[in-house]
Amino acid sequence: MVEGANIPLTYGAEKYLHEHGVVCVPDFIANAGAVICSSLEYRGGAEGQVLTQILGVIEEKVRRNTERVLEESAAQKILPREAAMRLALARLEQAMSFKRWSIY
């Protein structure tokens, strides 16, 4: 099951489904395409490029992140949302290490 943008399941519902074999892809993983697109446009991509070049980048990133989250969820026997949060926090910590925030 893929959650809608900004409409996640409750923790209890997600846990229940997980325990009954239903895989739930967290909303912020499945619906990251708009954020990726905005980031690419911010870096200089023209709006018209979205339908040609950038769309492939978005598809690849969403697919790779979804696969990574589901693999980690299965390996660690945790909810996909927990695996996604770990991935997000690791990336945030890495990004912050490149800026002055690394002193905190």
N, C-alpha and C. Protein backbone atom coordinates (compact mmCIF):
# COMPACT_ATOMS: atom_id res chain seq x y z
N MET A 1 0.84 -1.15 0.00
CA MET A 1 0.00 0.00 0.00
C MET A 1 0.90 1.24 0.00
N VAL A 2 0.52 2.21 -0.77
CA VAL A 2 1.28 3.46 -0.85
C VAL A 2 0.42 4.57 -0.25
N GLU A 3 0.97 5.23 0.74
CA GLU A 3 0.23 6.30 1.40
C GLU A 3 0.16 7.53 0.51
N GLY A 4 -0.94 8.26 0.62
CA GLY A 4 -1.10 9.50 -0.12
C GLY A 4 -0.25 10.60 0.48
N ALA A 5 0.01 11.61 -0.31
CA ALA A 5 0.84 12.72 0.14
C ALA A 5 0.24 13.39 1.37
N ASN A 6 1.01 13.46 2.42
CA ASN A 6 0.62 14.10 3.68
C ASN A 6 -0.61 13.47 4.33
N ILE A 7 -0.86 12.21 4.00
CA ILE A 7 -1.99 11.50 4.62
C ILE A 7 -1.50 10.14 5.12
N PRO A 8 -0.63 10.14 6.12
CA PRO A 8 -0.09 8.87 6.60
C PRO A 8 -1.10 8.11 7.45
N LEU A 9 -0.86 6.82 7.57
CA LEU A 9 -1.65 6.00 8.48
C LEU A 9 -1.27 6.34 9.92
N THR A 10 -2.13 6.01 10.83
CA THR A 10 -1.74 6.12 12.24
C THR A 10 -0.72 5.03 12.52
N TYR A 11 0.04 5.19 13.58
CA TYR A 11 1.03 4.18 13.94
C TYR A 11 0.36 2.83 14.17
N GLY A 12 -0.76 2.85 14.87
CA GLY A 12 -1.48 1.60 15.16
C GLY A 12 -1.95 0.91 13.89
N ALA A 13 -2.48 1.66 12.95
CA ALA A 13 -2.96 1.07 11.71
C ALA A 13 -1.80 0.51 10.90
N GLU A 14 -0.71 1.26 10.84
CA GLU A 14 0.45 0.80 10.09
C GLU A 14 1.03 -0.47 10.71
N LYS A 15 1.12 -0.51 12.01
CA LYS A 15 1.63 -1.69 12.71
C LYS A 15 0.73 -2.89 12.47
N TYR A 16 -0.58 -2.71 12.56
CA TYR A 16 -1.54 -3.79 12.33
C TYR A 16 -1.38 -4.36 10.92
N LEU A 17 -1.33 -3.48 9.94
CA LEU A 17 -1.17 -3.95 8.56
C LEU A 17 0.15 -4.67 8.36
N HIS A 18 1.22 -4.13 8.95
CA HIS A 18 2.54 -4.74 8.85
C HIS A 18 2.53 -6.15 9.43
N GLU A 19 1.90 -6.30 10.57
CA GLU A 19 1.81 -7.61 11.23
C GLU A 19 0.98 -8.61 10.42
N HIS A 20 0.13 -8.10 9.54
CA HIS A 20 -0.70 -8.96 8.70
C HIS A 20 -0.18 -9.05 7.27
N GLY A 21 1.07 -8.69 7.07
CA GLY A 21 1.72 -8.89 5.79
C GLY A 21 1.48 -7.82 4.73
N VAL A 22 0.90 -6.70 5.13
CA VAL A 22 0.65 -5.62 4.17
C VAL A 22 1.81 -4.62 4.27
N VAL A 23 2.51 -4.43 3.16
CA VAL A 23 3.63 -3.49 3.12
C VAL A 23 3.08 -2.10 2.86
N CYS A 24 3.47 -1.15 3.70
CA CYS A 24 3.01 0.23 3.56
C CYS A 24 4.22 1.13 3.29
N VAL A 25 4.23 1.77 2.13
CA VAL A 25 5.29 2.71 1.79
C VAL A 25 4.91 4.07 2.38
N PRO A 26 5.75 4.63 3.24
CA PRO A 26 5.43 5.91 3.88
C PRO A 26 5.20 7.03 2.87
N ASP A 27 4.32 7.94 3.22
CA ASP A 27 3.94 9.02 2.31
C ASP A 27 5.13 9.88 1.91
N PHE A 28 6.04 10.17 2.81
CA PHE A 28 7.14 11.06 2.46
C PHE A 28 8.20 10.39 1.59
N ILE A 29 8.13 9.08 1.44
CA ILE A 29 9.01 8.37 0.51
C ILE A 29 8.31 8.27 -0.85
N ALA A 30 7.07 7.83 -0.84
CA ALA A 30 6.34 7.59 -2.09
C ALA A 30 6.01 8.86 -2.85
N ASN A 31 5.88 9.96 -2.16
CA ASN A 31 5.44 11.20 -2.79
C ASN A 31 6.51 12.28 -2.80
N ALA A 32 7.75 11.88 -2.86
CA ALA A 32 8.86 12.83 -2.81
C ALA A 32 9.14 13.47 -4.17
N GLY A 33 8.44 13.07 -5.20
CA GLY A 33 8.70 13.57 -6.55
C GLY A 33 8.64 15.08 -6.68
N ALA A 34 7.67 15.71 -6.06
CA ALA A 34 7.53 17.17 -6.16
C ALA A 34 8.69 17.88 -5.49
N VAL A 35 9.16 17.35 -4.37
CA VAL A 35 10.28 17.96 -3.67
C VAL A 35 11.56 17.80 -4.50
N ILE A 36 11.74 16.62 -5.08
CA ILE A 36 12.91 16.38 -5.93
C ILE A 36 12.87 17.31 -7.13
N CYS A 37 11.72 17.45 -7.75
CA CYS A 37 11.55 18.33 -8.91
C CYS A 37 11.90 19.77 -8.54
N SER A 38 11.38 20.23 -7.41
CA SER A 38 11.65 21.61 -6.97
C SER A 38 13.14 21.82 -6.74
N SER A 39 13.78 20.82 -6.14
CA SER A 39 15.21 20.91 -5.89
C SER A 39 15.99 21.01 -7.19
N LEU A 40 15.62 20.19 -8.17
CA LEU A 40 16.31 20.22 -9.45
C LEU A 40 16.07 21.53 -10.19
N GLU A 41 14.86 22.06 -10.11
CA GLU A 41 14.57 23.35 -10.74
C GLU A 41 15.35 24.46 -10.04
N TYR A 42 15.44 24.39 -8.72
CA TYR A 42 16.17 25.39 -7.95
C TYR A 42 17.64 25.44 -8.36
N ARG A 43 18.17 24.26 -8.70
CA ARG A 43 19.57 24.18 -9.10
C ARG A 43 19.80 24.58 -10.56
N GLY A 44 18.76 25.07 -11.20
CA GLY A 44 18.95 25.58 -12.56
C GLY A 44 18.18 24.87 -13.63
N GLY A 45 17.45 23.83 -13.31
CA GLY A 45 16.65 23.14 -14.31
C GLY A 45 15.45 23.96 -14.71
N ALA A 46 15.18 24.04 -15.99
CA ALA A 46 14.02 24.80 -16.47
C ALA A 46 12.76 23.97 -16.30
N GLU A 47 11.63 24.64 -16.17
CA GLU A 47 10.36 23.95 -15.98
C GLU A 47 10.09 22.96 -17.10
N GLY A 48 10.44 23.32 -18.31
CA GLY A 48 10.21 22.44 -19.46
C GLY A 48 11.03 21.17 -19.40
N GLN A 49 12.13 21.17 -18.68
CA GLN A 49 12.96 19.98 -18.56
C GLN A 49 12.29 18.89 -17.74
N VAL A 50 11.36 19.25 -16.89
CA VAL A 50 10.74 18.29 -16.00
C VAL A 50 10.16 17.12 -16.77
N LEU A 51 9.48 17.40 -17.85
CA LEU A 51 8.83 16.33 -18.60
C LEU A 51 9.81 15.50 -19.42
N THR A 52 11.02 15.96 -19.58
CA THR A 52 11.98 15.20 -20.38
C THR A 52 13.08 14.61 -19.52
N GLN A 53 14.01 15.42 -19.10
CA GLN A 53 15.18 14.93 -18.38
C GLN A 53 14.93 14.67 -16.91
N ILE A 54 14.30 15.61 -16.23
CA ILE A 54 14.16 15.52 -14.78
C ILE A 54 13.23 14.39 -14.36
N LEU A 55 12.24 14.06 -15.17
CA LEU A 55 11.30 13.00 -14.82
C LEU A 55 12.02 11.68 -14.57
N GLY A 56 13.03 11.38 -15.39
CA GLY A 56 13.81 10.16 -15.20
C GLY A 56 14.58 10.17 -13.88
N VAL A 57 15.10 11.33 -13.51
CA VAL A 57 15.82 11.46 -12.25
C VAL A 57 14.88 11.24 -11.08
N ILE A 58 13.70 11.84 -11.16
CA ILE A 58 12.70 11.69 -10.10
C ILE A 58 12.31 10.22 -9.94
N GLU A 59 12.01 9.57 -11.05
CA GLU A 59 11.61 8.16 -11.01
C GLU A 59 12.69 7.30 -10.38
N GLU A 60 13.93 7.53 -10.77
CA GLU A 60 15.04 6.73 -10.26
C GLU A 60 15.23 6.96 -8.76
N LYS A 61 15.14 8.19 -8.30
CA LYS A 61 15.34 8.49 -6.88
C LYS A 61 14.21 7.92 -6.02
N VAL A 62 12.98 8.06 -6.46
CA VAL A 62 11.85 7.53 -5.69
C VAL A 62 11.93 6.00 -5.65
N ARG A 63 12.26 5.38 -6.78
CA ARG A 63 12.39 3.92 -6.82
C ARG A 63 13.51 3.45 -5.89
N ARG A 64 14.68 4.09 -5.98
CA ARG A 64 15.83 3.69 -5.17
C ARG A 64 15.54 3.86 -3.67
N ASN A 65 14.93 4.98 -3.30
CA ASN A 65 14.61 5.21 -1.89
C ASN A 65 13.57 4.21 -1.38
N THR A 66 12.57 3.91 -2.20
CA THR A 66 11.54 2.95 -1.80
C THR A 66 12.16 1.57 -1.61
N GLU A 67 12.99 1.15 -2.55
CA GLU A 67 13.65 -0.15 -2.43
C GLU A 67 14.52 -0.21 -1.17
N ARG A 68 15.26 0.85 -0.94
CA ARG A 68 16.15 0.88 0.22
C ARG A 68 15.37 0.79 1.53
N VAL A 69 14.28 1.53 1.61
CA VAL A 69 13.45 1.51 2.82
C VAL A 69 12.84 0.13 3.03
N LEU A 70 12.32 -0.48 1.98
CA LEU A 70 11.69 -1.79 2.12
C LEU A 70 12.71 -2.87 2.45
N GLU A 71 13.90 -2.78 1.87
CA GLU A 71 14.96 -3.74 2.19
C GLU A 71 15.38 -3.62 3.65
N GLU A 72 15.57 -2.40 4.12
CA GLU A 72 15.97 -2.16 5.50
C GLU A 72 14.87 -2.60 6.47
N SER A 73 13.63 -2.34 6.10
CA SER A 73 12.50 -2.75 6.93
C SER A 73 12.48 -4.27 7.10
N ALA A 74 12.67 -4.97 6.00
CA ALA A 74 12.66 -6.44 6.05
C ALA A 74 13.86 -6.97 6.82
N ALA A 75 15.04 -6.41 6.58
CA ALA A 75 16.26 -6.89 7.23
C ALA A 75 16.23 -6.66 8.74
N GLN A 76 15.73 -5.50 9.15
CA GLN A 76 15.71 -5.15 10.58
C GLN A 76 14.41 -5.55 11.28
N LYS A 77 13.44 -6.05 10.48
CA LYS A 77 12.11 -6.42 11.02
C LYS A 77 11.47 -5.24 11.75
N ILE A 78 11.48 -4.10 11.04
CA ILE A 78 10.87 -2.88 11.58
C ILE A 78 9.86 -2.35 10.55
N LEU A 79 9.03 -1.43 10.98
CA LEU A 79 8.06 -0.82 10.07
C LEU A 79 8.80 -0.02 8.99
N PRO A 80 8.27 0.01 7.78
CA PRO A 80 8.89 0.81 6.73
C PRO A 80 9.06 2.28 7.14
N ARG A 81 8.12 2.84 7.87
CA ARG A 81 8.23 4.23 8.29
C ARG A 81 9.45 4.41 9.21
N GLU A 82 9.70 3.43 10.06
CA GLU A 82 10.87 3.51 10.95
C GLU A 82 12.16 3.46 10.13
N ALA A 83 12.19 2.59 9.12
CA ALA A 83 13.36 2.51 8.24
C ALA A 83 13.53 3.82 7.47
N ALA A 84 12.42 4.39 7.01
CA ALA A 84 12.48 5.66 6.27
C ALA A 84 12.96 6.79 7.16
N MET A 85 12.53 6.82 8.40
CA MET A 85 12.97 7.85 9.33
C MET A 85 14.46 7.72 9.61
N ARG A 86 14.95 6.50 9.75
CA ARG A 86 16.38 6.29 9.97
C ARG A 86 17.18 6.80 8.78
N LEU A 87 16.71 6.48 7.57
CA LEU A 87 17.37 6.94 6.35
C LEU A 87 17.39 8.46 6.30
N ALA A 88 16.24 9.07 6.58
CA ALA A 88 16.14 10.53 6.55
C ALA A 88 17.06 11.18 7.57
N LEU A 89 17.10 10.64 8.78
CA LEU A 89 17.96 11.21 9.81
C LEU A 89 19.44 11.06 9.46
N ALA A 90 19.81 9.92 8.89
CA ALA A 90 21.21 9.73 8.49
C ALA A 90 21.60 10.73 7.41
N ARG A 91 20.71 10.96 6.46
CA ARG A 91 20.99 11.93 5.41
C ARG A 91 21.05 13.35 5.95
N LEU A 92 20.18 13.66 6.88
CA LEU A 92 20.19 14.99 7.50
C LEU A 92 21.48 15.22 8.27
N GLU A 93 21.91 14.23 9.03
CA GLU A 93 23.16 14.35 9.78
C GLU A 93 24.34 14.53 8.83
N GLN A 94 24.33 13.79 7.73
CA GLN A 94 25.41 13.93 6.76
C GLN A 94 25.42 15.32 6.14
N ALA A 95 24.24 15.81 5.75
CA ALA A 95 24.16 17.14 5.15
C ALA A 95 24.60 18.21 6.13
N MET A 96 24.22 18.07 7.39
CA MET A 96 24.59 19.06 8.39
C MET A 96 26.09 19.05 8.67
N SER A 97 26.74 17.92 8.44
CA SER A 97 28.17 17.85 8.69
C SER A 97 28.96 18.70 7.70
N PHE A 98 28.35 19.04 6.57
CA PHE A 98 29.03 19.86 5.57
C PHE A 98 28.89 21.35 5.84
N LYS A 99 28.04 21.70 6.75
CA LYS A 99 27.78 23.11 7.07
C LYS A 99 28.28 23.42 8.47
N ARG A 100 28.11 24.63 8.87
CA ARG A 100 28.56 25.03 10.20
C ARG A 100 27.80 24.36 11.32
N TRP A 101 26.64 23.73 11.03
CA TRP A 101 25.86 23.08 12.07
C TRP A 101 26.60 21.88 12.66
N SER A 102 27.65 21.42 11.99
CA SER A 102 28.38 20.26 12.51
C SER A 102 29.06 20.55 13.85
N ILE A 103 29.13 21.81 14.22
CA ILE A 103 29.75 22.13 15.50
C ILE A 103 28.80 21.88 16.67
N TYR A 104 27.53 21.67 16.39
CA TYR A 104 26.55 21.45 17.47
C TYR A 104 26.44 20.00 17.84
